[in-house]
Each structure stands twice: as C-alpha cells, then as structure tokens.
PDB file of N, CA and C in Angstrom:
ATOM      1  N   UNK A   1      25.271 -97.548  36.326  1.00  0.00           N
ATOM      2  CA  UNK A   1      25.359 -98.730  35.499  1.00  0.00           C
ATOM      3  C   UNK A   1      26.674 -98.708  34.719  1.00  0.00           C
ATOM      4  N   UNK A   2      27.050 -97.548  34.237  1.00  0.00           N
ATOM      5  CA  UNK A   2      28.301 -97.438  33.482  1.00  0.00           C
ATOM      6  C   UNK A   2      29.502 -97.811  34.350  1.00  0.00           C
ATOM      7  N   UNK A   3      29.493 -97.405  35.616  1.00  0.00           N
ATOM      8  CA  UNK A   3      30.588 -97.740  36.522  1.00  0.00           C
ATOM      9  C   UNK A   3      30.725 -99.255  36.673  1.00  0.00           C
ATOM     10  N   UNK A   4      29.601 -99.956  36.775  1.00  0.00           N
ATOM     11  CA  UNK A   4      29.650-101.415  36.879  1.00  0.00           C
ATOM     12  C   UNK A   4      30.328-102.018  35.656  1.00  0.00           C
ATOM     13  N   UNK A   5      29.988-101.507  34.486  1.00  0.00           N
ATOM     14  CA  UNK A   5      30.606-102.000  33.249  1.00  0.00           C
ATOM     15  C   UNK A   5      32.111-101.729  33.247  1.00  0.00           C
ATOM     16  N   UNK A   6      32.484-100.531  33.688  1.00  0.00           N
ATOM     17  CA  UNK A   6      33.892-100.140  33.677  1.00  0.00           C
ATOM     18  C   UNK A   6      34.754-101.050  34.539  1.00  0.00           C
ATOM     19  N   UNK A   7      34.206-101.551  35.632  1.00  0.00           N
ATOM     20  CA  UNK A   7      34.993-102.407  36.521  1.00  0.00           C
ATOM     21  C   UNK A   7      34.761-103.891  36.266  1.00  0.00           C
ATOM     22  N   UNK A   8      34.039-104.204  35.198  1.00  0.00           N
ATOM     23  CA  UNK A   8      33.860-105.591  34.797  1.00  0.00           C
ATOM     24  C   UNK A   8      32.786-106.357  35.549  1.00  0.00           C
ATOM     25  N   UNK A   9      31.881-105.651  36.200  1.00  0.00           N
ATOM     26  CA  UNK A   9      30.779-106.310  36.902  1.00  0.00           C
ATOM     27  C   UNK A   9      29.537-106.324  36.020  1.00  0.00           C
ATOM     28  N   UNK A  10      28.642-107.267  36.256  1.00  0.00           N
ATOM     29  CA  UNK A  10      27.396-107.280  35.476  1.00  0.00           C
ATOM     30  C   UNK A  10      26.621-105.983  35.702  1.00  0.00           C
ATOM     31  N   UNK A  11      26.039-105.467  34.640  1.00  0.00           N
ATOM     32  CA  UNK A  11      25.279-104.222  34.769  1.00  0.00           C
ATOM     33  C   UNK A  11      23.781-104.479  34.882  1.00  0.00           C
ATOM     34  N   UNK A  12      23.384-105.728  34.815  1.00  0.00           N
ATOM     35  CA  UNK A  12      21.976-106.112  34.974  1.00  0.00           C
ATOM     36  C   UNK A  12      21.926-107.391  35.800  1.00  0.00           C
ATOM     37  N   UNK A  13      20.864-107.547  36.570  1.00  0.00           N
ATOM     38  CA  UNK A  13      20.667-108.735  37.393  1.00  0.00           C
ATOM     39  C   UNK A  13      19.350-109.368  36.984  1.00  0.00           C
ATOM     40  N   UNK A  14      19.399-110.647  36.657  1.00  0.00           N
ATOM     41  CA  UNK A  14      18.169-111.347  36.288  1.00  0.00           C
ATOM     42  C   UNK A  14      17.374-111.663  37.552  1.00  0.00           C
ATOM     43  N   UNK A  15      16.097-111.379  37.500  1.00  0.00           N
ATOM     44  CA  UNK A  15      15.217-111.564  38.650  1.00  0.00           C
ATOM     45  C   UNK A  15      14.401-112.839  38.466  1.00  0.00           C
ATOM     46  N   UNK A  16      14.327-113.671  39.501  1.00  0.00           N
ATOM     47  CA  UNK A  16      13.506-114.883  39.393  1.00  0.00           C
ATOM     48  C   UNK A  16      12.038-114.550  39.144  1.00  0.00           C
ATOM     49  N   UNK A  17      11.351-115.452  38.474  1.00  0.00           N
ATOM     50  CA  UNK A  17       9.932-115.224  38.164  1.00  0.00           C
ATOM     51  C   UNK A  17       9.076-115.064  39.410  1.00  0.00           C
ATOM     52  N   UNK A  18       9.479-115.665  40.526  1.00  0.00           N
ATOM     53  CA  UNK A  18       8.671-115.584  41.740  1.00  0.00           C
ATOM     54  C   UNK A  18       9.010-114.370  42.613  1.00  0.00           C
ATOM     55  N   UNK A  19       9.813-113.453  42.087  1.00  0.00           N
ATOM     56  CA  UNK A  19      10.145-112.238  42.835  1.00  0.00           C
ATOM     57  C   UNK A  19       8.904-111.356  42.953  1.00  0.00           C
ATOM     58  N   UNK A  20       8.815-110.560  44.020  1.00  0.00           N
ATOM     59  CA  UNK A  20       7.658-109.672  44.175  1.00  0.00           C
ATOM     60  C   UNK A  20       7.562-108.670  43.025  1.00  0.00           C
ATOM     61  N   UNK A  21       6.345-108.245  42.727  1.00  0.00           N
ATOM     62  CA  UNK A  21       6.122-107.295  41.629  1.00  0.00           C
ATOM     63  C   UNK A  21       6.880-105.989  41.833  1.00  0.00           C
ATOM     64  N   UNK A  22       6.927-105.506  43.066  1.00  0.00           N
ATOM     65  CA  UNK A  22       7.587-104.233  43.353  1.00  0.00           C
ATOM     66  C   UNK A  22       8.977-104.471  43.944  1.00  0.00           C
ATOM     67  N   UNK A  23       9.768-105.315  43.291  1.00  0.00           N
ATOM     68  CA  UNK A  23      11.087-105.664  43.813  1.00  0.00           C
ATOM     69  C   UNK A  23      11.974-104.428  43.965  1.00  0.00           C
ATOM     70  N   UNK A  24      11.997-103.558  42.988  1.00  0.00           N
ATOM     71  CA  UNK A  24      12.842-102.361  43.064  1.00  0.00           C
ATOM     72  C   UNK A  24      12.442-101.495  44.251  1.00  0.00           C
ATOM     73  N   UNK A  25      11.161-101.339  44.481  1.00  0.00           N
ATOM     74  CA  UNK A  25      10.684-100.561  45.624  1.00  0.00           C
ATOM     75  C   UNK A  25      11.074-101.192  46.942  1.00  0.00           C
ATOM     76  N   UNK A  26      10.962-102.503  47.028  1.00  0.00           N
ATOM     77  CA  UNK A  26      11.338-103.209  48.258  1.00  0.00           C
ATOM     78  C   UNK A  26      12.840-103.104  48.506  1.00  0.00           C
ATOM     79  N   UNK A  27      13.635-103.222  47.457  1.00  0.00           N
ATOM     80  CA  UNK A  27      15.080-103.072  47.607  1.00  0.00           C
ATOM     81  C   UNK A  27      15.436-101.661  48.072  1.00  0.00           C
ATOM     82  N   UNK A  28      14.772-100.661  47.517  1.00  0.00           N
ATOM     83  CA  UNK A  28      15.034 -99.271  47.905  1.00  0.00           C
ATOM     84  C   UNK A  28      14.668 -99.042  49.366  1.00  0.00           C
ATOM     85  N   UNK A  29      13.496 -99.515  49.785  1.00  0.00           N
ATOM     86  CA  UNK A  29      13.080 -99.352  51.189  1.00  0.00           C
ATOM     87  C   UNK A  29      14.056-100.057  52.123  1.00  0.00           C
ATOM     88  N   UNK A  30      14.480-101.252  51.756  1.00  0.00           N
ATOM     89  CA  UNK A  30      15.422-101.995  52.581  1.00  0.00           C
ATOM     90  C   UNK A  30      16.754-101.252  52.694  1.00  0.00           C
ATOM     91  N   UNK A  31      17.214-100.678  51.596  1.00  0.00           N
ATOM     92  CA  UNK A  31      18.471 -99.921  51.620  1.00  0.00           C
ATOM     93  C   UNK A  31      18.358 -98.705  52.537  1.00  0.00           C
ATOM     94  N   UNK A  32      17.246 -97.995  52.458  1.00  0.00           N
ATOM     95  CA  UNK A  32      17.034 -96.817  53.312  1.00  0.00           C
ATOM     96  C   UNK A  32      16.967 -97.232  54.781  1.00  0.00           C
ATOM     97  N   UNK A  33      16.218 -98.289  55.071  1.00  0.00           N
ATOM     98  CA  UNK A  33      16.055 -98.745  56.453  1.00  0.00           C
ATOM     99  C   UNK A  33      17.333 -99.378  57.001  1.00  0.00           C
ATOM    100  N   UNK A  34      18.076-100.072  56.154  1.00  0.00           N
ATOM    101  CA  UNK A  34      19.259-100.792  56.608  1.00  0.00           C
ATOM    102  C   UNK A  34      20.512 -99.942  56.732  1.00  0.00           C
ATOM    103  N   UNK A  35      20.531 -98.789  56.093  1.00  0.00           N
ATOM    104  CA  UNK A  35      21.725 -97.931  56.122  1.00  0.00           C
ATOM    105  C   UNK A  35      21.347 -96.466  56.314  1.00  0.00           C
ATOM    106  N   UNK A  36      20.550 -96.157  57.344  1.00  0.00           N
ATOM    107  CA  UNK A  36      20.088 -94.768  57.480  1.00  0.00           C
ATOM    108  C   UNK A  36      21.214 -93.761  57.699  1.00  0.00           C
ATOM    109  N   UNK A  37      22.218 -94.111  58.488  1.00  0.00           N
ATOM    110  CA  UNK A  37      23.299 -93.156  58.756  1.00  0.00           C
ATOM    111  C   UNK A  37      24.167 -92.938  57.519  1.00  0.00           C
ATOM    112  N   UNK A  38      24.668 -94.002  56.866  1.00  0.00           N
ATOM    113  CA  UNK A  38      25.473 -93.752  55.662  1.00  0.00           C
ATOM    114  C   UNK A  38      24.716 -92.986  54.577  1.00  0.00           C
ATOM    115  N   UNK A  39      23.441 -93.291  54.402  1.00  0.00           N
ATOM    116  CA  UNK A  39      22.674 -92.571  53.380  1.00  0.00           C
ATOM    117  C   UNK A  39      22.525 -91.105  53.763  1.00  0.00           C
ATOM    118  N   UNK A  40      22.287 -90.834  55.048  1.00  0.00           N
ATOM    119  CA  UNK A  40      22.133 -89.447  55.502  1.00  0.00           C
ATOM    120  C   UNK A  40      23.447 -88.677  55.355  1.00  0.00           C
ATOM    121  N   UNK A  41      24.566 -89.333  55.614  1.00  0.00           N
ATOM    122  CA  UNK A  41      25.866 -88.659  55.572  1.00  0.00           C
ATOM    123  C   UNK A  41      26.484 -88.613  54.175  1.00  0.00           C
ATOM    124  N   UNK A  42      25.908 -89.323  53.235  1.00  0.00           N
ATOM    125  CA  UNK A  42      26.431 -89.335  51.876  1.00  0.00           C
ATOM    126  C   UNK A  42      26.372 -87.919  51.298  1.00  0.00           C
ATOM    127  N   UNK A  43      27.480 -87.409  50.769  1.00  0.00           N
ATOM    128  CA  UNK A  43      27.456 -86.051  50.216  1.00  0.00           C
ATOM    129  C   UNK A  43      26.521 -85.911  49.019  1.00  0.00           C
ATOM    130  N   UNK A  44      26.304 -86.990  48.305  1.00  0.00           N
ATOM    131  CA  UNK A  44      25.351 -86.963  47.193  1.00  0.00           C
ATOM    132  C   UNK A  44      24.011 -87.411  47.751  1.00  0.00           C
ATOM    133  N   UNK A  45      23.104 -86.484  47.906  1.00  0.00           N
ATOM    134  CA  UNK A  45      21.816 -86.778  48.529  1.00  0.00           C
ATOM    135  C   UNK A  45      21.012 -87.756  47.684  1.00  0.00           C
ATOM    136  N   UNK A  46      20.443 -88.744  48.367  1.00  0.00           N
ATOM    137  CA  UNK A  46      19.678 -89.782  47.687  1.00  0.00           C
ATOM    138  C   UNK A  46      18.461 -90.114  48.532  1.00  0.00           C
ATOM    139  N   UNK A  47      17.369 -90.374  47.865  1.00  0.00           N
ATOM    140  CA  UNK A  47      16.144 -90.729  48.581  1.00  0.00           C
ATOM    141  C   UNK A  47      15.615 -92.054  48.043  1.00  0.00           C
ATOM    142  N   UNK A  48      14.518 -92.513  48.620  1.00  0.00           N
ATOM    143  CA  UNK A  48      13.968 -93.808  48.236  1.00  0.00           C
ATOM    144  C   UNK A  48      13.582 -93.856  46.759  1.00  0.00           C
ATOM    145  N   UNK A  49      13.004 -92.782  46.251  1.00  0.00           N
ATOM    146  CA  UNK A  49      12.591 -92.755  44.841  1.00  0.00           C
ATOM    147  C   UNK A  49      13.800 -92.878  43.907  1.00  0.00           C
ATOM    148  N   UNK A  50      14.884 -92.207  44.251  1.00  0.00           N
ATOM    149  CA  UNK A  50      16.097 -92.281  43.438  1.00  0.00           C
ATOM    150  C   UNK A  50      16.692 -93.683  43.476  1.00  0.00           C
ATOM    151  N   UNK A  51      16.705 -94.281  44.667  1.00  0.00           N
ATOM    152  CA  UNK A  51      17.204 -95.649  44.784  1.00  0.00           C
ATOM    153  C   UNK A  51      16.342 -96.615  43.981  1.00  0.00           C
ATOM    154  N   UNK A  52      15.035 -96.409  44.017  1.00  0.00           N
ATOM    155  CA  UNK A  52      14.137 -97.284  43.262  1.00  0.00           C
ATOM    156  C   UNK A  52      14.459 -97.203  41.767  1.00  0.00           C
ATOM    157  N   UNK A  53      14.674 -95.999  41.260  1.00  0.00           N
ATOM    158  CA  UNK A  53      15.037 -95.836  39.844  1.00  0.00           C
ATOM    159  C   UNK A  53      16.338 -96.574  39.524  1.00  0.00           C
ATOM    160  N   UNK A  54      17.308 -96.473  40.427  1.00  0.00           N
ATOM    161  CA  UNK A  54      18.580 -97.159  40.222  1.00  0.00           C
ATOM    162  C   UNK A  54      18.379 -98.671  40.169  1.00  0.00           C
ATOM    163  N   UNK A  55      17.618 -99.207  41.127  1.00  0.00           N
ATOM    164  CA  UNK A  55      17.362-100.649  41.127  1.00  0.00           C
ATOM    165  C   UNK A  55      16.588-101.071  39.878  1.00  0.00           C
ATOM    166  N   UNK A  56      15.675-100.239  39.413  1.00  0.00           N
ATOM    167  CA  UNK A  56      14.924-100.570  38.190  1.00  0.00           C
ATOM    168  C   UNK A  56      15.848-100.672  36.980  1.00  0.00           C
ATOM    169  N   UNK A  57      16.912 -99.863  36.968  1.00  0.00           N
ATOM    170  CA  UNK A  57      17.885 -99.940  35.872  1.00  0.00           C
ATOM    171  C   UNK A  57      18.697-101.226  35.935  1.00  0.00           C
ATOM    172  N   UNK A  58      18.921-101.725  37.148  1.00  0.00           N
ATOM    173  CA  UNK A  58      19.803-102.875  37.331  1.00  0.00           C
ATOM    174  C   UNK A  58      19.112-104.224  37.214  1.00  0.00           C
ATOM    175  N   UNK A  59      17.809-104.264  37.455  1.00  0.00           N
ATOM    176  CA  UNK A  59      17.128-105.558  37.419  1.00  0.00           C
ATOM    177  C   UNK A  59      16.404-105.745  36.090  1.00  0.00           C
ATOM    178  N   UNK A  60      16.347-106.976  35.661  1.00  0.00           N
ATOM    179  CA  UNK A  60      15.631-107.294  34.432  1.00  0.00           C
ATOM    180  C   UNK A  60      14.846-108.578  34.664  1.00  0.00           C
ATOM    181  N   UNK A  61      13.732-108.749  33.988  1.00  0.00           N
ATOM    182  CA  UNK A  61      12.914-109.946  34.188  1.00  0.00           C
ATOM    183  C   UNK A  61      13.636-111.211  33.741  1.00  0.00           C
ATOM    184  N   UNK A  62      13.259-112.305  34.345  1.00  0.00           N
ATOM    185  CA  UNK A  62      13.817-113.606  33.980  1.00  0.00           C
ATOM    186  C   UNK A  62      13.446-113.934  32.542  1.00  0.00           C
ATOM    187  N   UNK A  63      14.377-114.521  31.806  1.00  0.00           N
ATOM    188  CA  UNK A  63      14.112-114.868  30.408  1.00  0.00           C
ATOM    189  C   UNK A  63      13.606-116.290  30.247  1.00  0.00           C
ATOM    190  N   UNK A  64      13.613-117.066  31.309  1.00  0.00           N
ATOM    191  CA  UNK A  64      13.152-118.456  31.186  1.00  0.00           C
ATOM    192  C   UNK A  64      11.738-118.624  31.671  1.00  0.00           C
TER     193      UNK A  64
END
C-alpha cells in the first residue's frame, strides 16, 4: 500500500455495493489461477491467503 502512495496511485479502491461478499478471496483465487507461472517464479513466495490479505487492504466498502 505504501508503494502505491509513493508513486501517486490510489491506495484504496471503492467497491460497489453489489460486489460479492468474498471479493478479496475471489480476486486472490483469480490472480493465482490467471498467473500461475509468474507467481511460482516470483522470488518472494506468495500464496492465496497472502494475496487475499493484500486485496483486503486495498478494497474498501462503498460509501454511498
């Protein structure tokens, strides 16, 4: 999250009210399934649970 701030990108993403309850989990599963080779070859080991935590930090509920 700090890196996003440093480069001037939003550090939080507002989620629509109709988004699935487990949005962070779905995003993590999609990332694992969609990029299996890059994730496996990444020197910093990451798993679905870690990705889910990262997505949970980045998403926030809709305020409207």
